[in-house]
Amino acid sequence: MPDVIFNGPEGRLEGRYHHSKQPNAPIALVLHPHPLHGGTMNNKVTYALYQIFVKRGFSVLRFNFRGVGRSQGQFDNGIGEMSDAAAALDWMQTHNPSAKTCWIGGFSFGAWISMQLMMRRPEISGFISIAPPADAHDFTFLAPCPASGLIVHGDKDEVVPRDAVDKLADKLSSQKNIVINYQVIPGANHFFADKMDKMNKIVGKYLDEAFAEEAA
């Protein structure tokens, strides 16, 4: 899991990158929660998502948004962070020019940024959205949503109300040719304390099934 530094719009960005040994491996970018609330690429949920992709043969990058850790710049209310994510995906594609598919994963604030990136980058073919902040941020840009994906939420989430995520999942599910797998974990709070194993199993199973269908 080598440390990497790459150029972002406001200077250097710090990341952790795993390069798959498989030829033409799929790539995945994983985005962390809110920088002003302690979110970093080493957040437990972010790290767990990263490892789930690694175990399935992806080349995977997670990185610190501007102003976090050794990443240069200052928090930019999501606008600059979107540009950081685009730069991270560019960097990954440079190192994986023959990747057969591209996925995006994000937790909380990172889920919001990841969905915006998906709207701008048609090569993203699937998403994993963990506790998307559907109450605090506008997700109406997902019209239409460009790819199917998985949404995971906890029914005891004290940061993002479940009903806001229910509405988001319903809205996306109603779109033509989009399949949203929405999983609510009983007893899970926003950070999935004591429920990480359950979250890992749900995400892993979803990816396994998605690639089994693709292979078929």
Protein backbone atom coordinates (compact mmCIF):
# COMPACT_ATOMS: atom_id res chain seq x y z
CA MET A 1 0.00 0.00 0.00
CA PRO A 2 2.47 2.67 -1.14
CA ASP A 3 2.09 6.33 -0.27
CA VAL A 4 1.60 8.46 -3.37
CA ILE A 5 1.71 12.20 -4.00
CA PHE A 6 0.10 13.56 -7.16
CA ASN A 7 -0.79 16.97 -8.49
CA GLY A 8 -4.20 18.42 -7.73
CA PRO A 9 -5.79 21.72 -8.73
CA GLU A 10 -4.45 23.49 -5.61
CA GLY A 11 -1.14 21.69 -5.19
CA ARG A 12 -0.04 18.26 -4.05
CA LEU A 13 -2.54 15.62 -2.91
CA GLU A 14 -1.60 12.73 -0.64
CA GLY A 15 -2.93 9.25 -1.22
CA ARG A 16 -2.56 5.52 -0.67
CA TYR A 17 -2.58 3.37 -3.77
CA HIS A 18 -2.77 -0.36 -4.43
CA HIS A 19 -1.85 -1.50 -7.94
CA SER A 20 -3.45 -4.79 -8.92
CA LYS A 21 -1.28 -7.59 -10.25
CA GLN A 22 -4.06 -8.58 -12.64
CA PRO A 23 -3.75 -7.33 -16.21
CA ASN A 24 -6.40 -4.76 -17.23
CA ALA A 25 -7.73 -4.77 -13.66
CA PRO A 26 -10.74 -2.60 -12.85
CA ILE A 27 -10.03 0.62 -10.96
CA ALA A 28 -11.79 2.16 -7.96
CA LEU A 29 -11.53 5.55 -6.28
CA VAL A 30 -12.62 5.85 -2.63
CA LEU A 31 -13.53 9.23 -1.07
CA HIS A 32 -13.47 10.12 2.64
CA PRO A 33 -15.96 11.98 4.87
CA HIS A 34 -16.14 15.69 5.70
CA PRO A 35 -12.71 17.34 6.15
CA LEU A 36 -14.02 19.83 8.74
CA HIS A 37 -15.40 17.02 10.92
CA GLY A 38 -12.23 14.95 11.12
CA GLY A 39 -12.65 13.08 7.83
CA THR A 40 -9.47 11.65 6.31
CA MET A 41 -8.53 8.81 3.96
CA ASN A 42 -7.73 6.77 7.09
CA ASN A 43 -11.32 6.90 8.33
CA LYS A 44 -12.38 3.33 9.24
CA VAL A 45 -15.26 3.12 6.74
CA THR A 46 -13.13 4.63 3.95
CA TYR A 47 -10.31 2.19 4.70
CA ALA A 48 -12.74 -0.75 4.79
CA LEU A 49 -14.15 0.20 1.36
CA TYR A 50 -10.60 0.46 0.00
CA GLN A 51 -9.74 -3.02 1.30
CA ILE A 52 -12.93 -4.55 -0.13
CA PHE A 53 -11.92 -3.36 -3.60
CA VAL A 54 -8.30 -4.50 -3.09
CA LYS A 55 -9.45 -8.02 -2.17
CA ARG A 56 -11.41 -8.22 -5.41
CA GLY A 57 -8.46 -7.45 -7.64
CA PHE A 58 -9.00 -3.74 -8.25
CA SER A 59 -6.33 -1.11 -8.51
CA VAL A 60 -7.54 1.26 -5.79
CA LEU A 61 -6.76 4.80 -4.67
CA ARG A 62 -7.88 6.64 -1.57
CA PHE A 63 -6.57 10.14 -0.91
CA ASN A 64 -6.88 13.18 1.33
CA PHE A 65 -8.90 16.08 0.00
CA ARG A 66 -7.23 19.50 -0.07
CA GLY A 67 -6.20 20.76 3.37
CA VAL A 68 -6.27 17.29 4.95
CA GLY A 69 -3.07 15.53 6.07
CA ARG A 70 -0.26 16.37 3.65
CA SER A 71 -2.63 17.52 0.89
CA GLN A 72 -2.20 21.18 0.02
CA GLY A 73 -4.95 23.79 -0.21
CA GLN A 74 -7.96 24.66 1.91
CA PHE A 75 -11.47 23.24 2.28
CA ASP A 76 -13.71 24.48 -0.54
CA ASN A 77 -17.26 23.43 0.38
CA GLY A 78 -17.29 20.56 -2.10
CA ILE A 79 -16.46 22.49 -5.28
CA GLY A 80 -12.70 22.14 -4.96
CA GLU A 81 -13.04 18.65 -3.51
CA MET A 82 -14.90 17.61 -6.68
CA SER A 83 -11.92 18.88 -8.69
CA ASP A 84 -9.55 16.96 -6.38
CA ALA A 85 -11.50 13.76 -7.03
CA ALA A 86 -11.36 14.34 -10.80
CA ALA A 87 -7.57 14.84 -10.57
CA ALA A 88 -7.30 11.61 -8.54
CA LEU A 89 -9.24 9.69 -11.19
CA ASP A 90 -7.05 11.19 -13.92
CA TRP A 91 -3.95 10.02 -12.02
CA MET A 92 -5.36 6.51 -11.68
CA GLN A 93 -6.26 6.30 -15.35
CA THR A 94 -2.73 7.37 -16.32
CA HIS A 95 -1.41 4.39 -14.33
CA ASN A 96 -4.14 2.03 -15.57
CA PRO A 97 -4.69 2.90 -19.24
CA SER A 98 -6.24 -0.49 -20.01
CA ALA A 99 -8.58 -0.77 -17.01
CA LYS A 100 -11.68 -2.66 -18.05
CA THR A 101 -14.05 -0.77 -15.77
CA CYS A 102 -14.12 2.04 -13.21
CA TRP A 103 -15.97 2.23 -9.89
CA ILE A 104 -16.41 4.98 -7.31
CA GLY A 105 -16.94 4.61 -3.57
CA GLY A 106 -17.60 7.22 -0.91
CA PHE A 107 -18.63 7.61 2.71
CA SER A 108 -20.84 10.50 3.93
CA PHE A 109 -19.44 13.75 2.40
CA GLY A 110 -17.30 11.52 0.19
CA ALA A 111 -20.46 9.81 -1.09
CA TRP A 112 -21.85 13.20 -2.15
CA ILE A 113 -18.63 14.10 -3.99
CA SER A 114 -18.43 10.65 -5.59
CA MET A 115 -21.95 10.94 -7.03
CA GLN A 116 -21.08 14.34 -8.51
CA LEU A 117 -17.94 12.91 -10.10
CA MET A 118 -20.00 10.08 -11.57
CA MET A 119 -22.20 12.64 -13.34
CA ARG A 120 -19.15 14.14 -15.02
CA ARG A 121 -17.23 10.98 -15.86
CA PRO A 122 -19.17 8.53 -18.04
CA GLU A 123 -16.49 5.85 -17.63
CA ILE A 124 -17.68 5.26 -14.03
CA SER A 125 -19.87 2.19 -14.31
CA GLY A 126 -20.86 1.53 -10.68
CA PHE A 127 -20.93 3.14 -7.26
CA ILE A 128 -20.89 2.30 -3.55
CA SER A 129 -22.49 5.08 -1.51
CA ILE A 130 -22.22 4.72 2.28
CA ALA A 131 -24.43 7.00 4.43
CA PRO A 132 -24.92 9.65 1.72
CA PRO A 133 -25.78 13.01 3.38
CA ALA A 134 -29.10 13.37 1.59
CA ASP A 135 -30.44 15.80 4.21
CA ALA A 136 -27.55 18.29 4.17
CA HIS A 137 -26.64 18.23 0.47
CA ASP A 138 -28.61 18.44 -2.74
CA PHE A 139 -28.62 15.24 -4.80
CA THR A 140 -31.06 16.47 -7.46
CA PHE A 141 -28.17 16.54 -9.95
CA LEU A 142 -28.68 12.76 -10.29
CA ALA A 143 -31.25 13.27 -13.00
CA PRO A 144 -30.80 10.95 -14.64
CA CYS A 145 -28.44 8.87 -12.51
CA PRO A 146 -25.82 7.51 -14.94
CA ALA A 147 -25.10 4.16 -13.29
CA SER A 148 -26.58 1.56 -10.98
CA GLY A 149 -25.12 1.09 -7.53
CA LEU A 150 -25.35 0.26 -3.85
CA ILE A 151 -26.50 2.55 -1.03
CA VAL A 152 -25.85 1.44 2.57
CA HIS A 153 -27.24 3.25 5.60
CA GLY A 154 -27.70 2.64 9.31
CA ASP A 155 -31.15 2.87 10.88
CA LYS A 156 -29.59 4.49 13.97
CA ASP A 157 -27.60 7.07 11.98
CA GLU A 158 -27.47 10.17 14.20
CA VAL A 159 -25.94 12.41 11.50
CA VAL A 160 -28.02 11.64 8.40
CA PRO A 161 -31.73 10.88 9.00
CA ARG A 162 -32.80 7.61 7.45
CA ASP A 163 -35.91 9.10 5.81
CA ALA A 164 -33.72 11.43 3.70
CA VAL A 165 -31.76 8.44 2.37
CA ASP A 166 -34.99 6.44 1.87
CA LYS A 167 -36.26 9.24 -0.38
CA LEU A 168 -32.99 9.41 -2.32
CA ALA A 169 -32.98 5.64 -2.89
CA ASP A 170 -36.64 5.69 -3.99
CA LYS A 171 -36.02 8.57 -6.37
CA LEU A 172 -33.03 6.89 -8.00
CA SER A 173 -34.78 3.51 -8.15
CA SER A 174 -37.65 5.04 -10.12
CA GLN A 175 -35.32 6.02 -12.95
CA LYS A 176 -35.32 4.01 -16.13
CA ASN A 177 -32.57 1.38 -16.50
CA ILE A 178 -31.14 2.13 -13.05
CA VAL A 179 -31.05 -0.52 -10.34
CA ILE A 180 -30.36 0.69 -6.82
CA ASN A 181 -29.60 -1.88 -4.15
CA TYR A 182 -30.53 -0.11 -0.90
CA GLN A 183 -29.46 -1.84 2.30
CA VAL A 184 -30.32 -0.56 5.79
CA ILE A 185 -28.28 -2.06 8.64
CA PRO A 186 -30.28 -2.41 11.87
CA GLY A 187 -28.61 -0.78 14.86
CA ALA A 188 -25.86 0.90 12.84
CA ASN A 189 -24.93 4.51 13.59
CA HIS A 190 -23.29 6.92 11.13
CA PHE A 191 -19.85 5.38 11.60
CA PHE A 192 -21.11 1.77 11.69
CA ALA A 193 -19.60 1.19 15.14
CA ASP A 194 -19.82 -2.54 15.92
CA LYS A 195 -21.47 -3.05 12.50
CA MET A 196 -18.44 -2.85 10.20
CA ASP A 197 -18.49 -6.61 9.55
CA LYS A 198 -22.08 -6.35 8.35
CA MET A 199 -21.25 -3.41 6.11
CA ASN A 200 -18.22 -5.23 4.67
CA LYS A 201 -20.33 -8.31 3.87
CA ILE A 202 -23.02 -6.25 2.12
CA VAL A 203 -20.53 -4.33 -0.03
CA GLY A 204 -18.45 -7.43 -0.81
CA LYS A 205 -21.51 -9.45 -1.80
CA TYR A 206 -22.76 -6.64 -4.02
CA LEU A 207 -19.45 -6.39 -5.89
CA ASP A 208 -19.16 -10.17 -6.24
CA GLU A 209 -22.65 -10.35 -7.74
CA ALA A 210 -22.07 -7.36 -10.02
CA PHE A 211 -18.96 -8.94 -11.51
CA ALA A 212 -20.53 -12.39 -11.71
CA GLU A 213 -23.30 -10.86 -13.84
CA GLU A 214 -20.77 -9.07 -16.00
CA ALA A 215 -18.79 -12.28 -16.54
CA ALA A 216 -21.98 -14.14 -17.45
